[in-house]
Each structure stands twice: as C-alpha cells, then as structure tokens.
Amino acid sequence: MQNYCIIHTPARKLICYITLTAMLEKLPADRFMKVHKSYVVALERVSRLTGTSLQIESHTIPISRTHRNEVTARIANRLLFKR
C-alpha cells in the first residue's frame, strides 16, 4: 500500500498515511521489530515462533530470510524468559 500502514490492535484496525520505515522509527525499538518488508510486530504479542513465521493470536506472520536470525534471537529469548 505504498505510503499507508495498516495497524492491527486488539480492538480495531487503523489505516494511517505513513511509510512503514517512518512508523518503525517512531516505535520503541525494545518493544517492536521489523520481521518482513511488510510487517512490524509487537514482540510481547508473539506467542509462537517457527523457522519461517511467527504467531500472534490467530494470525500467522511471515519472517523474511533477511531478518530471520535477528528475529529468532530476539523472540526466542523473549519467549524463553516469559515463562
């Protein structure tokens, strides 16, 4: 969607006129992470991680090969210490 972002919250879905890169710059880096060219996720909302995707509630989000190592390290570490 070029310069538009769709933000999914537990309550609703918002469409904002902002690039994903600009949105990512405004979000706290310790709580949010880019996992794919089209997706930024809230790390605390991730419930499951596989080699190529992650799960947030009923949504499956792909992880790009470019981001896979960093995503795996950050999310696996967060999931391990969450318990």
PDB file of N, CA and C in Angstrom:
ATOM      1  N   MET A   1       0.825  -1.213   0.000  1.00  0.00           N
ATOM      2  CA  MET A   1       0.000   0.000   0.000  1.00  0.00           C
ATOM      3  C   MET A   1       0.857   1.260   0.000  1.00  0.00           C
ATOM      4  N   GLN A   2       2.079   1.176  -0.437  1.00  0.00           N
ATOM      5  CA  GLN A   2       2.980   2.303  -0.601  1.00  0.00           C
ATOM      6  C   GLN A   2       3.144   3.106   0.692  1.00  0.00           C
ATOM      7  N   ASN A   3       2.528   4.268   0.806  1.00  0.00           N
ATOM      8  CA  ASN A   3       2.730   5.131   1.970  1.00  0.00           C
ATOM      9  C   ASN A   3       1.657   4.965   3.042  1.00  0.00           C
ATOM     10  N   TYR A   4       0.963   3.868   3.025  1.00  0.00           N
ATOM     11  CA  TYR A   4      -0.050   3.605   4.039  1.00  0.00           C
ATOM     12  C   TYR A   4       0.349   2.395   4.873  1.00  0.00           C
ATOM     13  N   CYS A   5       0.041   2.454   6.149  1.00  0.00           N
ATOM     14  CA  CYS A   5       0.253   1.324   7.055  1.00  0.00           C
ATOM     15  C   CYS A   5      -1.095   0.911   7.629  1.00  0.00           C
ATOM     16  N   ILE A   6      -1.276  -0.368   7.768  1.00  0.00           N
ATOM     17  CA  ILE A   6      -2.455  -0.886   8.461  1.00  0.00           C
ATOM     18  C   ILE A   6      -1.978  -1.337   9.831  1.00  0.00           C
ATOM     19  N   ILE A   7      -2.558  -0.769  10.851  1.00  0.00           N
ATOM     20  CA  ILE A   7      -2.181  -1.083  12.231  1.00  0.00           C
ATOM     21  C   ILE A   7      -3.293  -1.928  12.829  1.00  0.00           C
ATOM     22  N   HIS A   8      -2.928  -3.134  13.267  1.00  0.00           N
ATOM     23  CA  HIS A   8      -3.898  -4.034  13.894  1.00  0.00           C
ATOM     24  C   HIS A   8      -3.735  -3.933  15.404  1.00  0.00           C
ATOM     25  N   THR A   9      -4.810  -3.591  16.086  1.00  0.00           N
ATOM     26  CA  THR A   9      -4.823  -3.556  17.539  1.00  0.00           C
ATOM     27  C   THR A   9      -5.837  -4.596  18.009  1.00  0.00           C
ATOM     28  N   PRO A  10      -5.837  -4.923  19.296  1.00  0.00           N
ATOM     29  CA  PRO A  10      -6.855  -5.877  19.769  1.00  0.00           C
ATOM     30  C   PRO A  10      -8.289  -5.394  19.527  1.00  0.00           C
ATOM     31  N   ALA A  11      -8.495  -4.092  19.522  1.00  0.00           N
ATOM     32  CA  ALA A  11      -9.843  -3.554  19.387  1.00  0.00           C
ATOM     33  C   ALA A  11     -10.261  -3.246  17.956  1.00  0.00           C
ATOM     34  N   ARG A  12      -9.293  -2.829  17.114  1.00  0.00           N
ATOM     35  CA  ARG A  12      -9.675  -2.423  15.754  1.00  0.00           C
ATOM     36  C   ARG A  12      -8.484  -2.381  14.809  1.00  0.00           C
ATOM     37  N   LYS A  13      -8.773  -2.044  13.573  1.00  0.00           N
ATOM     38  CA  LYS A  13      -7.755  -1.918  12.539  1.00  0.00           C
ATOM     39  C   LYS A  13      -7.746  -0.465  12.070  1.00  0.00           C
ATOM     40  N   LEU A  14      -6.562   0.140  12.003  1.00  0.00           N
ATOM     41  CA  LEU A  14      -6.426   1.533  11.587  1.00  0.00           C
ATOM     42  C   LEU A  14      -5.589   1.612  10.316  1.00  0.00           C
ATOM     43  N   ILE A  15      -5.933   2.540   9.443  1.00  0.00           N
ATOM     44  CA  ILE A  15      -5.133   2.795   8.252  1.00  0.00           C
ATOM     45  C   ILE A  15      -4.561   4.201   8.391  1.00  0.00           C
ATOM     46  N   CYS A  16      -3.224   4.297   8.309  1.00  0.00           N
ATOM     47  CA  CYS A  16      -2.538   5.574   8.510  1.00  0.00           C
ATOM     48  C   CYS A  16      -1.690   5.911   7.297  1.00  0.00           C
ATOM     49  N   TYR A  17      -1.615   7.178   6.981  1.00  0.00           N
ATOM     50  CA  TYR A  17      -0.778   7.648   5.886  1.00  0.00           C
ATOM     51  C   TYR A  17       0.626   7.885   6.428  1.00  0.00           C
ATOM     52  N   ILE A  18       1.444   6.849   6.392  1.00  0.00           N
ATOM     53  CA  ILE A  18       2.828   6.900   6.857  1.00  0.00           C
ATOM     54  C   ILE A  18       3.548   5.668   6.276  1.00  0.00           C
ATOM     55  N   THR A  19       4.802   5.811   5.978  1.00  0.00           N
ATOM     56  CA  THR A  19       5.548   4.660   5.475  1.00  0.00           C
ATOM     57  C   THR A  19       5.879   3.729   6.637  1.00  0.00           C
ATOM     58  N   LEU A  20       6.142   2.488   6.320  1.00  0.00           N
ATOM     59  CA  LEU A  20       6.497   1.523   7.356  1.00  0.00           C
ATOM     60  C   LEU A  20       7.804   1.933   8.038  1.00  0.00           C
ATOM     61  N   THR A  21       8.742   2.447   7.265  1.00  0.00           N
ATOM     62  CA  THR A  21      10.022   2.896   7.822  1.00  0.00           C
ATOM     63  C   THR A  21       9.819   4.045   8.806  1.00  0.00           C
ATOM     64  N   ALA A  22       8.998   5.018   8.446  1.00  0.00           N
ATOM     65  CA  ALA A  22       8.717   6.147   9.339  1.00  0.00           C
ATOM     66  C   ALA A  22       7.997   5.676  10.600  1.00  0.00           C
ATOM     67  N   MET A  23       7.076   4.731  10.441  1.00  0.00           N
ATOM     68  CA  MET A  23       6.365   4.186  11.596  1.00  0.00           C
ATOM     69  C   MET A  23       7.337   3.481  12.535  1.00  0.00           C
ATOM     70  N   LEU A  24       8.221   2.689  11.966  1.00  0.00           N
ATOM     71  CA  LEU A  24       9.192   1.943  12.762  1.00  0.00           C
ATOM     72  C   LEU A  24      10.105   2.881  13.552  1.00  0.00           C
ATOM     73  N   GLU A  25      10.458   4.011  12.981  1.00  0.00           N
ATOM     74  CA  GLU A  25      11.301   5.000  13.672  1.00  0.00           C
ATOM     75  C   GLU A  25      10.599   5.598  14.881  1.00  0.00           C
ATOM     76  N   LYS A  26       9.287   5.676  14.846  1.00  0.00           N
ATOM     77  CA  LYS A  26       8.513   6.259  15.954  1.00  0.00           C
ATOM     78  C   LYS A  26       8.225   5.263  17.084  1.00  0.00           C
ATOM     79  N   LEU A  27       8.316   3.979  16.781  1.00  0.00           N
ATOM     80  CA  LEU A  27       8.018   2.948  17.778  1.00  0.00           C
ATOM     81  C   LEU A  27       9.248   2.635  18.628  1.00  0.00           C
ATOM     82  N   PRO A  28       9.063   2.275  19.905  1.00  0.00           N
ATOM     83  CA  PRO A  28      10.205   1.905  20.750  1.00  0.00           C
ATOM     84  C   PRO A  28      10.867   0.611  20.252  1.00  0.00           C
ATOM     85  N   ALA A  29      12.164   0.681  19.974  1.00  0.00           N
ATOM     86  CA  ALA A  29      12.906  -0.447  19.385  1.00  0.00           C
ATOM     87  C   ALA A  29      12.960  -1.659  20.298  1.00  0.00           C
ATOM     88  N   ASP A  30      12.820  -1.470  21.599  1.00  0.00           N
ATOM     89  CA  ASP A  30      12.864  -2.613  22.510  1.00  0.00           C
ATOM     90  C   ASP A  30      11.537  -3.382  22.539  1.00  0.00           C
ATOM     91  N   ARG A  31      10.475  -2.809  21.970  1.00  0.00           N
ATOM     92  CA  ARG A  31       9.162  -3.455  22.000  1.00  0.00           C
ATOM     93  C   ARG A  31       8.631  -3.865  20.634  1.00  0.00           C
ATOM     94  N   PHE A  32       9.182  -3.281  19.560  1.00  0.00           N
ATOM     95  CA  PHE A  32       8.713  -3.556  18.209  1.00  0.00           C
ATOM     96  C   PHE A  32       9.880  -3.934  17.318  1.00  0.00           C
ATOM     97  N   MET A  33       9.587  -4.753  16.299  1.00  0.00           N
ATOM     98  CA  MET A  33      10.638  -5.218  15.409  1.00  0.00           C
ATOM     99  C   MET A  33      10.096  -5.486  14.012  1.00  0.00           C
ATOM    100  N   LYS A  34      10.880  -5.116  13.009  1.00  0.00           N
ATOM    101  CA  LYS A  34      10.532  -5.436  11.630  1.00  0.00           C
ATOM    102  C   LYS A  34      10.924  -6.884  11.379  1.00  0.00           C
ATOM    103  N   VAL A  35       9.975  -7.686  10.921  1.00  0.00           N
ATOM    104  CA  VAL A  35      10.228  -9.110  10.688  1.00  0.00           C
ATOM    105  C   VAL A  35      10.145  -9.484   9.213  1.00  0.00           C
ATOM    106  N   HIS A  36       9.669  -8.548   8.402  1.00  0.00           N
ATOM    107  CA  HIS A  36       9.463  -8.778   6.980  1.00  0.00           C
ATOM    108  C   HIS A  36       9.333  -7.394   6.345  1.00  0.00           C
ATOM    109  N   LYS A  37       9.514  -7.288   5.038  1.00  0.00           N
ATOM    110  CA  LYS A  37       9.419  -5.966   4.411  1.00  0.00           C
ATOM    111  C   LYS A  37       8.050  -5.323   4.596  1.00  0.00           C
ATOM    112  N   SER A  38       7.047  -6.123   4.906  1.00  0.00           N
ATOM    113  CA  SER A  38       5.689  -5.606   5.066  1.00  0.00           C
ATOM    114  C   SER A  38       5.137  -5.691   6.479  1.00  0.00           C
ATOM    115  N   TYR A  39       5.942  -6.163   7.439  1.00  0.00           N
ATOM    116  CA  TYR A  39       5.410  -6.383   8.792  1.00  0.00           C
ATOM    117  C   TYR A  39       6.355  -5.893   9.885  1.00  0.00           C
ATOM    118  N   VAL A  40       5.772  -5.193  10.841  1.00  0.00           N
ATOM    119  CA  VAL A  40       6.427  -4.849  12.102  1.00  0.00           C
ATOM    120  C   VAL A  40       5.527  -5.432  13.188  1.00  0.00           C
ATOM    121  N   VAL A  41       6.124  -6.074  14.181  1.00  0.00           N
ATOM    122  CA  VAL A  41       5.311  -6.703  15.218  1.00  0.00           C
ATOM    123  C   VAL A  41       5.696  -6.202  16.611  1.00  0.00           C
ATOM    124  N   ALA A  42       4.733  -6.263  17.509  1.00  0.00           N
ATOM    125  CA  ALA A  42       4.985  -6.006  18.925  1.00  0.00           C
ATOM    126  C   ALA A  42       5.519  -7.306  19.505  1.00  0.00           C
ATOM    127  N   LEU A  43       6.736  -7.289  19.985  1.00  0.00           N
ATOM    128  CA  LEU A  43       7.390  -8.504  20.461  1.00  0.00           C
ATOM    129  C   LEU A  43       6.619  -9.194  21.574  1.00  0.00           C
ATOM    130  N   GLU A  44       5.997  -8.436  22.445  1.00  0.00           N
ATOM    131  CA  GLU A  44       5.279  -9.030  23.580  1.00  0.00           C
ATOM    132  C   GLU A  44       4.022  -9.787  23.148  1.00  0.00           C
ATOM    133  N   ARG A  45       3.545  -9.542  21.939  1.00  0.00           N
ATOM    134  CA  ARG A  45       2.333 -10.204  21.454  1.00  0.00           C
ATOM    135  C   ARG A  45       2.606 -11.537  20.757  1.00  0.00           C
ATOM    136  N   VAL A  46       3.874 -11.835  20.476  1.00  0.00           N
ATOM    137  CA  VAL A  46       4.229 -13.074  19.779  1.00  0.00           C
ATOM    138  C   VAL A  46       4.055 -14.254  20.728  1.00  0.00           C
ATOM    139  N   SER A  47       3.282 -15.245  20.291  1.00  0.00           N
ATOM    140  CA  SER A  47       3.027 -16.410  21.140  1.00  0.00           C
ATOM    141  C   SER A  47       3.753 -17.662  20.655  1.00  0.00           C
ATOM    142  N   ARG A  48       4.143 -17.681  19.382  1.00  0.00           N
ATOM    143  CA  ARG A  48       4.778 -18.868  18.823  1.00  0.00           C
ATOM    144  C   ARG A  48       5.734 -18.461  17.708  1.00  0.00           C
ATOM    145  N   LEU A  49       6.821 -19.193  17.592  1.00  0.00           N
ATOM    146  CA  LEU A  49       7.830 -18.915  16.578  1.00  0.00           C
ATOM    147  C   LEU A  49       8.208 -20.211  15.879  1.00  0.00           C
ATOM    148  N   THR A  50       8.176 -20.199  14.552  1.00  0.00           N
ATOM    149  CA  THR A  50       8.689 -21.327  13.770  1.00  0.00           C
ATOM    150  C   THR A  50       9.851 -20.782  12.942  1.00  0.00           C
ATOM    151  N   GLY A  51      10.433 -21.595  12.113  1.00  0.00           N
ATOM    152  CA  GLY A  51      11.569 -21.145  11.327  1.00  0.00           C
ATOM    153  C   GLY A  51      11.251 -20.048  10.325  1.00  0.00           C
ATOM    154  N   THR A  52      10.035 -20.048   9.801  1.00  0.00           N
ATOM    155  CA  THR A  52       9.697 -19.101   8.743  1.00  0.00           C
ATOM    156  C   THR A  52       8.532 -18.173   9.070  1.00  0.00           C
ATOM    157  N   SER A  53       7.941 -18.336  10.237  1.00  0.00           N
ATOM    158  CA  SER A  53       6.810 -17.483  10.601  1.00  0.00           C
ATOM    159  C   SER A  53       6.676 -17.365  12.109  1.00  0.00           C
ATOM    160  N   LEU A  54       5.822 -16.440  12.513  1.00  0.00           N
ATOM    161  CA  LEU A  54       5.504 -16.297  13.934  1.00  0.00           C
ATOM    162  C   LEU A  54       4.006 -16.165  14.071  1.00  0.00           C
ATOM    163  N   GLN A  55       3.521 -16.394  15.256  1.00  0.00           N
ATOM    164  CA  GLN A  55       2.087 -16.402  15.531  1.00  0.00           C
ATOM    165  C   GLN A  55       1.756 -15.299  16.530  1.00  0.00           C
ATOM    166  N   ILE A  56       0.742 -14.507  16.187  1.00  0.00           N
ATOM    167  CA  ILE A  56       0.161 -13.528  17.111  1.00  0.00           C
ATOM    168  C   ILE A  56      -1.337 -13.800  17.086  1.00  0.00           C
ATOM    169  N   GLU A  57      -1.841 -14.337  18.188  1.00  0.00           N
ATOM    170  CA  GLU A  57      -3.219 -14.804  18.276  1.00  0.00           C
ATOM    171  C   GLU A  57      -3.494 -15.758  17.116  1.00  0.00           C
ATOM    172  N   SER A  58      -4.468 -15.486  16.267  1.00  0.00           N
ATOM    173  CA  SER A  58      -4.781 -16.408  15.169  1.00  0.00           C
ATOM    174  C   SER A  58      -4.075 -16.028  13.869  1.00  0.00           C
ATOM    175  N   HIS A  59      -3.226 -15.010  13.911  1.00  0.00           N
ATOM    176  CA  HIS A  59      -2.550 -14.515  12.716  1.00  0.00           C
ATOM    177  C   HIS A  59      -1.150 -15.115  12.571  1.00  0.00           C
ATOM    178  N   THR A  60      -0.846 -15.607  11.400  1.00  0.00           N
ATOM    179  CA  THR A  60       0.486 -16.095  11.086  1.00  0.00           C
ATOM    180  C   THR A  60       1.182 -15.043  10.241  1.00  0.00           C
ATOM    181  N   ILE A  61       2.372 -14.634  10.674  1.00  0.00           N
ATOM    182  CA  ILE A  61       3.122 -13.573  10.007  1.00  0.00           C
ATOM    183  C   ILE A  61       4.440 -14.148   9.506  1.00  0.00           C
ATOM    184  N   PRO A  62       4.753 -13.930   8.228  1.00  0.00           N
ATOM    185  CA  PRO A  62       5.997 -14.479   7.686  1.00  0.00           C
ATOM    186  C   PRO A  62       7.221 -13.740   8.224  1.00  0.00           C
ATOM    187  N   ILE A  63       8.330 -14.455   8.293  1.00  0.00           N
ATOM    188  CA  ILE A  63       9.616 -13.860   8.658  1.00  0.00           C
ATOM    189  C   ILE A  63      10.494 -13.952   7.415  1.00  0.00           C
ATOM    190  N   SER A  64      11.060 -12.835   6.998  1.00  0.00           N
ATOM    191  CA  SER A  64      11.902 -12.847   5.800  1.00  0.00           C
ATOM    192  C   SER A  64      13.260 -13.468   6.103  1.00  0.00           C
ATOM    193  N   ARG A  65      13.900 -13.984   5.068  1.00  0.00           N
ATOM    194  CA  ARG A  65      15.241 -14.560   5.239  1.00  0.00           C
ATOM    195  C   ARG A  65      16.223 -13.517   5.741  1.00  0.00           C
ATOM    196  N   THR A  66      16.050 -12.281   5.304  1.00  0.00           N
ATOM    197  CA  THR A  66      16.935 -11.185   5.719  1.00  0.00           C
ATOM    198  C   THR A  66      16.882 -10.946   7.221  1.00  0.00           C
ATOM    199  N   HIS A  67      15.703 -11.049   7.809  1.00  0.00           N
ATOM    200  CA  HIS A  67      15.511 -10.742   9.229  1.00  0.00           C
ATOM    201  C   HIS A  67      15.512 -11.976  10.134  1.00  0.00           C
ATOM    202  N   ARG A  68      15.560 -13.160   9.553  1.00  0.00           N
ATOM    203  CA  ARG A  68      15.334 -14.399  10.305  1.00  0.00           C
ATOM    204  C   ARG A  68      16.236 -14.575  11.522  1.00  0.00           C
ATOM    205  N   ASN A  69      17.555 -14.378  11.390  1.00  0.00           N
ATOM    206  CA  ASN A  69      18.465 -14.604  12.521  1.00  0.00           C
ATOM    207  C   ASN A  69      18.180 -13.655  13.678  1.00  0.00           C
ATOM    208  N   GLU A  70      18.014 -12.378  13.372  1.00  0.00           N
ATOM    209  CA  GLU A  70      17.747 -11.404  14.432  1.00  0.00           C
ATOM    210  C   GLU A  70      16.383 -11.646  15.082  1.00  0.00           C
ATOM    211  N   VAL A  71      15.387 -11.932  14.275  1.00  0.00           N
ATOM    212  CA  VAL A  71      14.043 -12.205  14.796  1.00  0.00           C
ATOM    213  C   VAL A  71      14.063 -13.427  15.705  1.00  0.00           C
ATOM    214  N   THR A  72      14.683 -14.481  15.230  1.00  0.00           N
ATOM    215  CA  THR A  72      14.751 -15.710  16.010  1.00  0.00           C
ATOM    216  C   THR A  72      15.442 -15.476  17.344  1.00  0.00           C
ATOM    217  N   ALA A  73      16.548 -14.762  17.324  1.00  0.00           N
ATOM    218  CA  ALA A  73      17.283 -14.499  18.560  1.00  0.00           C
ATOM    219  C   ALA A  73      16.458 -13.670  19.548  1.00  0.00           C
ATOM    220  N   ARG A  74      15.863 -12.590  19.074  1.00  0.00           N
ATOM    221  CA  ARG A  74      15.104 -11.714  19.983  1.00  0.00           C
ATOM    222  C   ARG A  74      13.829 -12.364  20.501  1.00  0.00           C
ATOM    223  N   ILE A  75      13.082 -13.003  19.613  1.00  0.00           N
ATOM    224  CA  ILE A  75      11.799 -13.570  20.022  1.00  0.00           C
ATOM    225  C   ILE A  75      11.989 -14.842  20.834  1.00  0.00           C
ATOM    226  N   ALA A  76      12.898 -15.697  20.435  1.00  0.00           N
ATOM    227  CA  ALA A  76      13.145 -16.925  21.202  1.00  0.00           C
ATOM    228  C   ALA A  76      13.592 -16.577  22.609  1.00  0.00           C
ATOM    229  N   ASN A  77      14.461 -15.606  22.739  1.00  0.00           N
ATOM    230  CA  ASN A  77      14.935 -15.166  24.051  1.00  0.00           C
ATOM    231  C   ASN A  77      13.759 -14.622  24.879  1.00  0.00           C
ATOM    232  N   ARG A  78      12.903 -13.849  24.276  1.00  0.00           N
ATOM    233  CA  ARG A  78      11.741 -13.279  24.976  1.00  0.00           C
ATOM    234  C   ARG A  78      10.766 -14.374  25.397  1.00  0.00           C
ATOM    235  N   LEU A  79      10.519 -15.345  24.512  1.00  0.00           N
ATOM    236  CA  LEU A  79       9.584 -16.433  24.836  1.00  0.00           C
ATOM    237  C   LEU A  79      10.145 -17.331  25.940  1.00  0.00           C
ATOM    238  N   LEU A  80      11.441 -17.566  25.935  1.00  0.00           N
ATOM    239  CA  LEU A  80      12.052 -18.414  26.968  1.00  0.00           C
ATOM    240  C   LEU A  80      11.952 -17.794  28.357  1.00  0.00           C
ATOM    241  N   PHE A  81      12.180 -16.477  28.432  1.00  0.00           N
ATOM    242  CA  PHE A  81      12.171 -15.820  29.736  1.00  0.00           C
ATOM    243  C   PHE A  81      10.790 -15.347  30.149  1.00  0.00           C
ATOM    244  N   LYS A  82       9.812 -15.503  29.285  1.00  0.00           N
ATOM    245  CA  LYS A  82       8.428 -15.127  29.591  1.00  0.00           C
ATOM    246  C   LYS A  82       7.792 -16.126  30.564  1.00  0.00           C
ATOM    247  N   ARG A  83       8.262 -17.354  30.524  1.00  0.00           N
ATOM    248  CA  ARG A  83       7.650 -18.415  31.333  1.00  0.00           C
ATOM    249  C   ARG A  83       8.049 -18.370  32.736  1.00  0.00           C
TER     250      ARG A  83
END
